[in-house]
C-alpha cells in the first residue's frame, strides 16, 4: 500500500505520516474502515521507504501491515 506525501529535495518529509494517513489509504485502496486511533506506526517515518504499522482489531487481536511512503 502506497501513501503519497510531499518530500523535499533533501529527502525529508513535509509534515508527517500518521495513523490517519494509513487509515485513509486502507479505505481508498482496500475499502476497509479502520479507526486511526487503532493504528500504531512502528518507528519514525523520516522519508520515502517501507514502514510497519500495527492495527489493533480487538483487545486480543492485532495485525501488522507494511506501507510505502512515496513522493507524490
N, C-alpha and C. Protein backbone atom coordinates (compact mmCIF):
# COMPACT_ATOMS: atom_id res chain seq x y z
N UNK A 1 0.86 -1.16 0.00
CA UNK A 1 0.00 0.00 0.00
C UNK A 1 0.91 1.22 0.00
N UNK A 2 0.65 2.16 -0.88
CA UNK A 2 1.48 3.35 -1.01
C UNK A 2 0.76 4.57 -0.46
N UNK A 3 1.52 5.41 0.23
CA UNK A 3 1.00 6.67 0.76
C UNK A 3 1.83 7.79 0.16
N UNK A 4 1.24 8.59 -0.73
CA UNK A 4 2.00 9.68 -1.34
C UNK A 4 2.07 10.90 -0.41
N UNK A 5 3.26 11.47 -0.29
CA UNK A 5 3.47 12.66 0.53
C UNK A 5 4.45 13.59 -0.18
N UNK A 6 4.47 14.84 0.24
CA UNK A 6 5.45 15.78 -0.30
C UNK A 6 6.78 15.54 0.39
N UNK A 7 7.82 15.44 -0.43
CA UNK A 7 9.17 15.21 0.08
C UNK A 7 10.08 16.29 -0.48
N UNK A 8 10.88 16.89 0.40
CA UNK A 8 11.79 17.95 -0.01
C UNK A 8 12.99 17.43 -0.78
N UNK A 9 13.81 18.35 -1.26
CA UNK A 9 14.99 17.99 -2.05
C UNK A 9 16.00 17.18 -1.23
N UNK A 10 16.00 17.39 0.08
CA UNK A 10 16.93 16.66 0.93
C UNK A 10 16.39 15.29 1.36
N UNK A 11 15.22 14.90 0.86
CA UNK A 11 14.64 13.60 1.15
C UNK A 11 13.78 13.54 2.39
N UNK A 12 13.60 14.68 3.07
CA UNK A 12 12.78 14.71 4.27
C UNK A 12 11.35 15.07 3.94
N UNK A 13 10.43 14.57 4.77
CA UNK A 13 9.00 14.82 4.57
C UNK A 13 8.62 16.25 4.91
N UNK A 14 7.64 16.77 4.20
CA UNK A 14 6.95 17.99 4.60
C UNK A 14 5.79 17.52 5.45
N UNK A 15 5.83 17.75 6.75
CA UNK A 15 4.78 17.26 7.63
C UNK A 15 5.13 15.89 8.16
N UNK A 16 4.12 15.07 8.39
CA UNK A 16 4.35 13.74 8.95
C UNK A 16 3.34 12.76 8.39
N UNK A 17 3.61 11.49 8.62
CA UNK A 17 2.69 10.42 8.25
C UNK A 17 2.23 9.78 9.55
N UNK A 18 0.92 9.70 9.74
CA UNK A 18 0.38 9.15 10.98
C UNK A 18 -0.71 8.12 10.72
N UNK A 19 -1.35 7.72 11.80
CA UNK A 19 -2.41 6.73 11.72
C UNK A 19 -3.54 7.15 10.81
N UNK A 20 -3.83 8.45 10.77
CA UNK A 20 -4.92 8.92 9.90
C UNK A 20 -4.59 8.72 8.43
N UNK A 21 -3.31 8.88 8.07
CA UNK A 21 -2.90 8.67 6.68
C UNK A 21 -2.99 7.19 6.29
N UNK A 22 -2.61 6.32 7.21
CA UNK A 22 -2.70 4.88 6.96
C UNK A 22 -4.17 4.47 6.85
N UNK A 23 -5.02 4.99 7.75
CA UNK A 23 -6.46 4.68 7.72
C UNK A 23 -7.08 5.14 6.40
N UNK A 24 -6.70 6.33 5.94
CA UNK A 24 -7.22 6.85 4.67
C UNK A 24 -6.79 5.97 3.50
N UNK A 25 -5.54 5.53 3.50
CA UNK A 25 -5.05 4.66 2.42
C UNK A 25 -5.75 3.30 2.44
N UNK A 26 -5.99 2.76 3.63
CA UNK A 26 -6.72 1.49 3.74
C UNK A 26 -8.13 1.62 3.17
N UNK A 27 -8.78 2.75 3.44
CA UNK A 27 -10.14 2.97 2.94
C UNK A 27 -10.13 3.12 1.41
N UNK A 28 -9.20 3.92 0.89
CA UNK A 28 -9.16 4.18 -0.55
C UNK A 28 -8.72 2.95 -1.36
N UNK A 29 -7.73 2.21 -0.85
CA UNK A 29 -7.17 1.10 -1.61
C UNK A 29 -7.87 -0.24 -1.39
N UNK A 30 -8.43 -0.43 -0.18
CA UNK A 30 -8.97 -1.74 0.15
C UNK A 30 -10.39 -1.70 0.71
N UNK A 31 -11.01 -0.54 0.72
CA UNK A 31 -12.38 -0.36 1.24
C UNK A 31 -12.53 -0.85 2.67
N UNK A 32 -11.48 -0.65 3.48
CA UNK A 32 -11.51 -1.05 4.89
C UNK A 32 -11.63 0.20 5.77
N UNK A 33 -12.58 0.18 6.69
CA UNK A 33 -12.73 1.27 7.64
C UNK A 33 -12.04 0.90 8.94
N UNK A 34 -10.93 1.58 9.23
CA UNK A 34 -10.18 1.34 10.45
C UNK A 34 -10.03 2.67 11.17
N UNK A 35 -10.34 2.68 12.46
CA UNK A 35 -10.20 3.89 13.27
C UNK A 35 -8.72 4.25 13.38
N UNK A 36 -8.38 5.51 13.08
CA UNK A 36 -6.99 5.93 13.10
C UNK A 36 -6.35 5.75 14.48
N UNK A 37 -7.15 5.75 15.53
CA UNK A 37 -6.62 5.57 16.89
C UNK A 37 -6.19 4.13 17.14
N UNK A 38 -6.60 3.20 16.28
CA UNK A 38 -6.24 1.79 16.42
C UNK A 38 -4.97 1.45 15.66
N UNK A 39 -4.37 2.44 14.99
CA UNK A 39 -3.18 2.21 14.17
C UNK A 39 -1.97 2.82 14.85
N UNK A 40 -0.93 2.01 15.01
CA UNK A 40 0.31 2.45 15.63
C UNK A 40 1.45 2.22 14.64
N UNK A 41 2.14 3.29 14.27
CA UNK A 41 3.26 3.18 13.33
C UNK A 41 4.52 2.83 14.13
N UNK A 42 5.24 1.82 13.65
CA UNK A 42 6.45 1.37 14.31
C UNK A 42 7.64 2.20 13.82
N UNK A 43 8.31 2.90 14.73
CA UNK A 43 9.46 3.72 14.36
C UNK A 43 9.03 5.07 13.83
N UNK A 44 10.00 5.83 13.37
CA UNK A 44 9.75 7.17 12.83
C UNK A 44 9.72 7.13 11.32
N UNK A 45 8.74 7.78 10.74
CA UNK A 45 8.66 7.90 9.28
C UNK A 45 9.44 9.17 8.92
N UNK A 46 10.62 8.99 8.34
CA UNK A 46 11.51 10.12 8.10
C UNK A 46 11.65 10.49 6.63
N UNK A 47 11.20 9.63 5.74
CA UNK A 47 11.31 9.90 4.31
C UNK A 47 10.69 8.77 3.52
N UNK A 48 10.97 8.75 2.23
CA UNK A 48 10.44 7.68 1.38
C UNK A 48 11.01 6.34 1.84
N UNK A 49 10.15 5.31 1.79
CA UNK A 49 10.60 3.98 2.19
C UNK A 49 9.44 3.13 2.65
N UNK A 50 9.76 1.94 3.13
CA UNK A 50 8.76 0.98 3.60
C UNK A 50 8.78 0.96 5.13
N UNK A 51 7.59 1.04 5.72
CA UNK A 51 7.44 1.10 7.17
C UNK A 51 6.38 0.10 7.62
N UNK A 52 6.39 -0.20 8.93
CA UNK A 52 5.43 -1.12 9.53
C UNK A 52 4.44 -0.36 10.39
N UNK A 53 3.22 -0.86 10.43
CA UNK A 53 2.18 -0.34 11.32
C UNK A 53 1.46 -1.52 11.94
N UNK A 54 1.03 -1.35 13.18
CA UNK A 54 0.27 -2.38 13.88
C UNK A 54 -1.16 -1.87 14.03
N UNK A 55 -2.12 -2.70 13.67
CA UNK A 55 -3.53 -2.35 13.79
C UNK A 55 -4.14 -3.23 14.87
N UNK A 56 -4.77 -2.58 15.85
CA UNK A 56 -5.42 -3.31 16.94
C UNK A 56 -6.88 -3.50 16.56
N UNK A 57 -7.22 -4.71 16.14
CA UNK A 57 -8.57 -5.02 15.68
C UNK A 57 -9.52 -5.32 16.83
N UNK A 58 -8.97 -5.85 17.91
CA UNK A 58 -9.73 -6.28 19.08
C UNK A 58 -8.73 -6.27 20.23
N UNK A 59 -9.15 -6.19 21.48
CA UNK A 59 -8.18 -6.17 22.57
C UNK A 59 -7.15 -7.30 22.54
N UNK A 60 -7.52 -8.44 21.98
CA UNK A 60 -6.60 -9.56 21.93
C UNK A 60 -6.13 -9.90 20.51
N UNK A 61 -6.50 -9.07 19.53
CA UNK A 61 -6.16 -9.36 18.14
C UNK A 61 -5.49 -8.13 17.51
N UNK A 62 -4.24 -8.31 17.07
CA UNK A 62 -3.55 -7.26 16.33
C UNK A 62 -2.98 -7.85 15.05
N UNK A 63 -2.72 -6.99 14.10
CA UNK A 63 -2.09 -7.42 12.85
C UNK A 63 -1.07 -6.37 12.44
N UNK A 64 -0.05 -6.81 11.75
CA UNK A 64 1.00 -5.90 11.28
C UNK A 64 0.87 -5.77 9.76
N UNK A 65 0.96 -4.54 9.29
CA UNK A 65 0.94 -4.30 7.84
C UNK A 65 2.17 -3.49 7.46
N UNK A 66 2.50 -3.52 6.20
CA UNK A 66 3.58 -2.69 5.67
C UNK A 66 2.96 -1.66 4.74
N UNK A 67 3.53 -0.46 4.77
CA UNK A 67 3.11 0.57 3.83
C UNK A 67 4.34 1.29 3.31
N UNK A 68 4.20 1.84 2.12
CA UNK A 68 5.32 2.51 1.49
C UNK A 68 5.01 4.00 1.36
N UNK A 69 5.93 4.81 1.82
CA UNK A 69 5.82 6.26 1.65
C UNK A 69 6.53 6.62 0.35
N UNK A 70 5.81 7.28 -0.55
CA UNK A 70 6.36 7.66 -1.85
C UNK A 70 6.13 9.15 -2.08
N UNK A 71 6.97 9.71 -2.93
CA UNK A 71 6.81 11.13 -3.26
C UNK A 71 5.57 11.29 -4.13
N UNK A 72 4.76 12.28 -3.77
CA UNK A 72 3.54 12.45 -4.55
C UNK A 72 2.90 13.71 -4.36
